Amino acid sequence: MTPKKMIAHLKLARPIYAETSYGGHFGRNLPNFTWEKTDMVKKLRKAAGM
């Protein structure tokens, strides 16, 4: 997966900084925090030969 595809998949180009700066983001289950999702684990493991 290229960096461009990762940015698109995780929707990282959106201005969401106010939500991430409020009390931190780790462990929060908000739909805007796409980088917290694990939906690509199987695909990435397969691509890595794991």
PDB file of N, CA and C in Angstrom:
ATOM      1  N   MET A   1       0.856  -1.163   0.000  1.00  0.00           N
ATOM      2  CA  MET A   1       0.000   0.000   0.000  1.00  0.00           C
ATOM      3  C   MET A   1       0.909   1.234   0.000  1.00  0.00           C
ATOM      4  N   THR A   2       0.665   2.118  -0.912  1.00  0.00           N
ATOM      5  CA  THR A   2       1.476   3.326  -1.012  1.00  0.00           C
ATOM      6  C   THR A   2       1.061   4.345   0.048  1.00  0.00           C
ATOM      7  N   PRO A   3       1.942   5.293   0.374  1.00  0.00           N
ATOM      8  CA  PRO A   3       1.554   6.334   1.324  1.00  0.00           C
ATOM      9  C   PRO A   3       0.293   7.083   0.886  1.00  0.00           C
ATOM     10  N   LYS A   4       0.163   7.327  -0.404  1.00  0.00           N
ATOM     11  CA  LYS A   4      -1.024   8.027  -0.908  1.00  0.00           C
ATOM     12  C   LYS A   4      -2.295   7.223  -0.627  1.00  0.00           C
ATOM     13  N   LYS A   5      -2.227   5.905  -0.842  1.00  0.00           N
ATOM     14  CA  LYS A   5      -3.390   5.055  -0.580  1.00  0.00           C
ATOM     15  C   LYS A   5      -3.692   4.973   0.913  1.00  0.00           C
ATOM     16  N   MET A   6      -2.645   4.955   1.744  1.00  0.00           N
ATOM     17  CA  MET A   6      -2.856   4.924   3.192  1.00  0.00           C
ATOM     18  C   MET A   6      -3.531   6.212   3.662  1.00  0.00           C
ATOM     19  N   ILE A   7      -3.083   7.344   3.153  1.00  0.00           N
ATOM     20  CA  ILE A   7      -3.692   8.630   3.508  1.00  0.00           C
ATOM     21  C   ILE A   7      -5.152   8.654   3.087  1.00  0.00           C
ATOM     22  N   ALA A   8      -5.432   8.143   1.888  1.00  0.00           N
ATOM     23  CA  ALA A   8      -6.817   8.118   1.404  1.00  0.00           C
ATOM     24  C   ALA A   8      -7.674   7.160   2.232  1.00  0.00           C
ATOM     25  N   HIS A   9      -7.154   5.959   2.512  1.00  0.00           N
ATOM     26  CA  HIS A   9      -7.924   4.957   3.270  1.00  0.00           C
ATOM     27  C   HIS A   9      -8.237   5.447   4.682  1.00  0.00           C
ATOM     28  N   LEU A  10      -7.265   6.083   5.314  1.00  0.00           N
ATOM     29  CA  LEU A  10      -7.450   6.565   6.686  1.00  0.00           C
ATOM     30  C   LEU A  10      -8.065   7.962   6.756  1.00  0.00           C
ATOM     31  N   LYS A  11      -8.278   8.553   5.588  1.00  0.00           N
ATOM     32  CA  LYS A  11      -8.880   9.891   5.497  1.00  0.00           C
ATOM     33  C   LYS A  11      -8.111  10.905   6.343  1.00  0.00           C
ATOM     34  N   LEU A  12      -6.792  10.915   6.175  1.00  0.00           N
ATOM     35  CA  LEU A  12      -5.943  11.766   6.992  1.00  0.00           C
ATOM     36  C   LEU A  12      -5.858  13.210   6.514  1.00  0.00           C
ATOM     37  N   ALA A  13      -6.414  13.518   5.364  1.00  0.00           N
ATOM     38  CA  ALA A  13      -6.347  14.882   4.842  1.00  0.00           C
ATOM     39  C   ALA A  13      -7.466  15.776   5.375  1.00  0.00           C
ATOM     40  N   ARG A  14      -8.272  15.247   6.278  1.00  0.00           N
ATOM     41  CA  ARG A  14      -9.387  16.024   6.838  1.00  0.00           C
ATOM     42  C   ARG A  14      -8.912  16.880   8.012  1.00  0.00           C
ATOM     43  N   PRO A  15      -9.464  18.060   8.182  1.00  0.00           N
ATOM     44  CA  PRO A  15      -9.093  18.899   9.335  1.00  0.00           C
ATOM     45  C   PRO A  15      -9.829  18.452  10.603  1.00  0.00           C
ATOM     46  N   ILE A  16      -9.203  17.587  11.380  1.00  0.00           N
ATOM     47  CA  ILE A  16      -9.853  17.034  12.575  1.00  0.00           C
ATOM     48  C   ILE A  16      -9.042  17.323  13.830  1.00  0.00           C
ATOM     49  N   TYR A  17      -8.213  18.342  13.783  1.00  0.00           N
ATOM     50  CA  TYR A  17      -7.271  18.580  14.864  1.00  0.00           C
ATOM     51  C   TYR A  17      -7.930  18.950  16.186  1.00  0.00           C
ATOM     52  N   ALA A  18      -9.057  19.621  16.162  1.00  0.00           N
ATOM     53  CA  ALA A  18      -9.729  20.004  17.409  1.00  0.00           C
ATOM     54  C   ALA A  18     -10.127  18.768  18.210  1.00  0.00           C
ATOM     55  N   GLU A  19     -10.605  17.742  17.541  1.00  0.00           N
ATOM     56  CA  GLU A  19     -11.009  16.517  18.239  1.00  0.00           C
ATOM     57  C   GLU A  19      -9.817  15.762  18.811  1.00  0.00           C
ATOM     58  N   THR A  20      -8.702  15.742  18.090  1.00  0.00           N
ATOM     59  CA  THR A  20      -7.547  14.993  18.586  1.00  0.00           C
ATOM     60  C   THR A  20      -6.852  15.721  19.720  1.00  0.00           C
ATOM     61  N   SER A  21      -6.938  17.032  19.763  1.00  0.00           N
ATOM     62  CA  SER A  21      -6.253  17.782  20.813  1.00  0.00           C
ATOM     63  C   SER A  21      -7.057  17.832  22.104  1.00  0.00           C
ATOM     64  N   TYR A  22      -8.281  17.392  22.086  1.00  0.00           N
ATOM     65  CA  TYR A  22      -9.133  17.411  23.272  1.00  0.00           C
ATOM     66  C   TYR A  22      -8.935  16.140  24.078  1.00  0.00           C
ATOM     67  N   GLY A  23      -8.115  16.202  25.091  1.00  0.00           N
ATOM     68  CA  GLY A  23      -7.928  15.062  25.981  1.00  0.00           C
ATOM     69  C   GLY A  23      -7.179  13.891  25.369  1.00  0.00           C
ATOM     70  N   GLY A  24      -6.496  14.078  24.272  1.00  0.00           N
ATOM     71  CA  GLY A  24      -5.777  12.988  23.620  1.00  0.00           C
ATOM     72  C   GLY A  24      -6.708  12.121  22.794  1.00  0.00           C
ATOM     73  N   HIS A  25      -6.141  11.254  21.972  1.00  0.00           N
ATOM     74  CA  HIS A  25      -6.980  10.429  21.103  1.00  0.00           C
ATOM     75  C   HIS A  25      -6.835   8.945  21.357  1.00  0.00           C
ATOM     76  N   PHE A  26      -5.838   8.508  22.072  1.00  0.00           N
ATOM     77  CA  PHE A  26      -5.602   7.079  22.215  1.00  0.00           C
ATOM     78  C   PHE A  26      -6.696   6.406  23.022  1.00  0.00           C
ATOM     79  N   GLY A  27      -7.224   5.342  22.462  1.00  0.00           N
ATOM     80  CA  GLY A  27      -8.258   4.576  23.136  1.00  0.00           C
ATOM     81  C   GLY A  27      -9.661   5.131  22.983  1.00  0.00           C
ATOM     82  N   ARG A  28      -9.796   6.259  22.329  1.00  0.00           N
ATOM     83  CA  ARG A  28     -11.126   6.827  22.122  1.00  0.00           C
ATOM     84  C   ARG A  28     -11.740   6.176  20.898  1.00  0.00           C
ATOM     85  N   ASN A  29     -13.000   5.887  20.957  1.00  0.00           N
ATOM     86  CA  ASN A  29     -13.684   5.186  19.875  1.00  0.00           C
ATOM     87  C   ASN A  29     -14.598   6.147  19.128  1.00  0.00           C
ATOM     88  N   LEU A  30     -14.011   7.077  18.408  1.00  0.00           N
ATOM     89  CA  LEU A  30     -14.782   8.030  17.618  1.00  0.00           C
ATOM     90  C   LEU A  30     -14.626   7.699  16.140  1.00  0.00           C
ATOM     91  N   PRO A  31     -15.681   7.851  15.355  1.00  0.00           N
ATOM     92  CA  PRO A  31     -15.611   7.487  13.931  1.00  0.00           C
ATOM     93  C   PRO A  31     -14.589   8.302  13.145  1.00  0.00           C
ATOM     94  N   ASN A  32     -14.262   9.503  13.590  1.00  0.00           N
ATOM     95  CA  ASN A  32     -13.288  10.324  12.869  1.00  0.00           C
ATOM     96  C   ASN A  32     -11.856   9.847  13.047  1.00  0.00           C
ATOM     97  N   PHE A  33     -11.604   9.013  14.040  1.00  0.00           N
ATOM     98  CA  PHE A  33     -10.252   8.523  14.284  1.00  0.00           C
ATOM     99  C   PHE A  33     -10.023   7.239  13.492  1.00  0.00           C
ATOM    100  N   THR A  34      -9.917   7.377  12.193  1.00  0.00           N
ATOM    101  CA  THR A  34      -9.805   6.220  11.306  1.00  0.00           C
ATOM    102  C   THR A  34      -8.520   5.433  11.523  1.00  0.00           C
ATOM    103  N   TRP A  35      -7.476   6.066  12.017  1.00  0.00           N
ATOM    104  CA  TRP A  35      -6.210   5.380  12.234  1.00  0.00           C
ATOM    105  C   TRP A  35      -6.277   4.397  13.398  1.00  0.00           C
ATOM    106  N   GLU A  36      -7.327   4.432  14.197  1.00  0.00           N
ATOM    107  CA  GLU A  36      -7.503   3.493  15.302  1.00  0.00           C
ATOM    108  C   GLU A  36      -8.169   2.189  14.846  1.00  0.00           C
ATOM    109  N   LYS A  37      -8.673   2.155  13.634  1.00  0.00           N
ATOM    110  CA  LYS A  37      -9.367   0.965  13.138  1.00  0.00           C
ATOM    111  C   LYS A  37      -8.366  -0.125  12.762  1.00  0.00           C
ATOM    112  N   THR A  38      -8.808  -1.362  12.855  1.00  0.00           N
ATOM    113  CA  THR A  38      -7.938  -2.499  12.529  1.00  0.00           C
ATOM    114  C   THR A  38      -8.497  -3.321  11.371  1.00  0.00           C
ATOM    115  N   ASP A  39      -9.251  -2.674  10.505  1.00  0.00           N
ATOM    116  CA  ASP A  39      -9.903  -3.387   9.405  1.00  0.00           C
ATOM    117  C   ASP A  39      -8.940  -3.877   8.327  1.00  0.00           C
ATOM    118  N   MET A  40      -7.707  -3.414   8.326  1.00  0.00           N
ATOM    119  CA  MET A  40      -6.751  -3.802   7.292  1.00  0.00           C
ATOM    120  C   MET A  40      -5.734  -4.837   7.769  1.00  0.00           C
ATOM    121  N   VAL A  41      -5.862  -5.346   8.984  1.00  0.00           N
ATOM    122  CA  VAL A  41      -4.870  -6.252   9.559  1.00  0.00           C
ATOM    123  C   VAL A  41      -4.653  -7.483   8.683  1.00  0.00           C
ATOM    124  N   LYS A  42      -5.708  -8.171   8.316  1.00  0.00           N
ATOM    125  CA  LYS A  42      -5.564  -9.398   7.513  1.00  0.00           C
ATOM    126  C   LYS A  42      -4.905  -9.108   6.171  1.00  0.00           C
ATOM    127  N   LYS A  43      -5.327  -8.035   5.532  1.00  0.00           N
ATOM    128  CA  LYS A  43      -4.782  -7.677   4.222  1.00  0.00           C
ATOM    129  C   LYS A  43      -3.291  -7.328   4.326  1.00  0.00           C
ATOM    130  N   LEU A  44      -2.917  -6.576   5.352  1.00  0.00           N
ATOM    131  CA  LEU A  44      -1.518  -6.190   5.526  1.00  0.00           C
ATOM    132  C   LEU A  44      -0.647  -7.389   5.896  1.00  0.00           C
ATOM    133  N   ARG A  45      -1.161  -8.280   6.731  1.00  0.00           N
ATOM    134  CA  ARG A  45      -0.404  -9.485   7.079  1.00  0.00           C
ATOM    135  C   ARG A  45      -0.180 -10.362   5.857  1.00  0.00           C
ATOM    136  N   LYS A  46      -1.197 -10.485   5.043  1.00  0.00           N
ATOM    137  CA  LYS A  46      -1.072 -11.293   3.829  1.00  0.00           C
ATOM    138  C   LYS A  46      -0.035 -10.677   2.892  1.00  0.00           C
ATOM    139  N   ALA A  47      -0.078  -9.353   2.741  1.00  0.00           N
ATOM    140  CA  ALA A  47       0.878  -8.667   1.869  1.00  0.00           C
ATOM    141  C   ALA A  47       2.309  -8.799   2.390  1.00  0.00           C
ATOM    142  N   ALA A  48       2.458  -8.907   3.712  1.00  0.00           N
ATOM    143  CA  ALA A  48       3.782  -9.044   4.321  1.00  0.00           C
ATOM    144  C   ALA A  48       4.236 -10.500   4.398  1.00  0.00           C
ATOM    145  N   GLY A  49       3.379 -11.426   3.958  1.00  0.00           N
ATOM    146  CA  GLY A  49       3.721 -12.838   3.983  1.00  0.00           C
ATOM    147  C   GLY A  49       3.643 -13.453   5.371  1.00  0.00           C
ATOM    148  N   MET A  50       2.793 -12.907   6.200  1.00  0.00           N
ATOM    149  CA  MET A  50       2.656 -13.414   7.579  1.00  0.00           C
ATOM    150  C   MET A  50       1.451 -14.316   7.711  1.00  0.00           C
TER     151      MET A  50
END
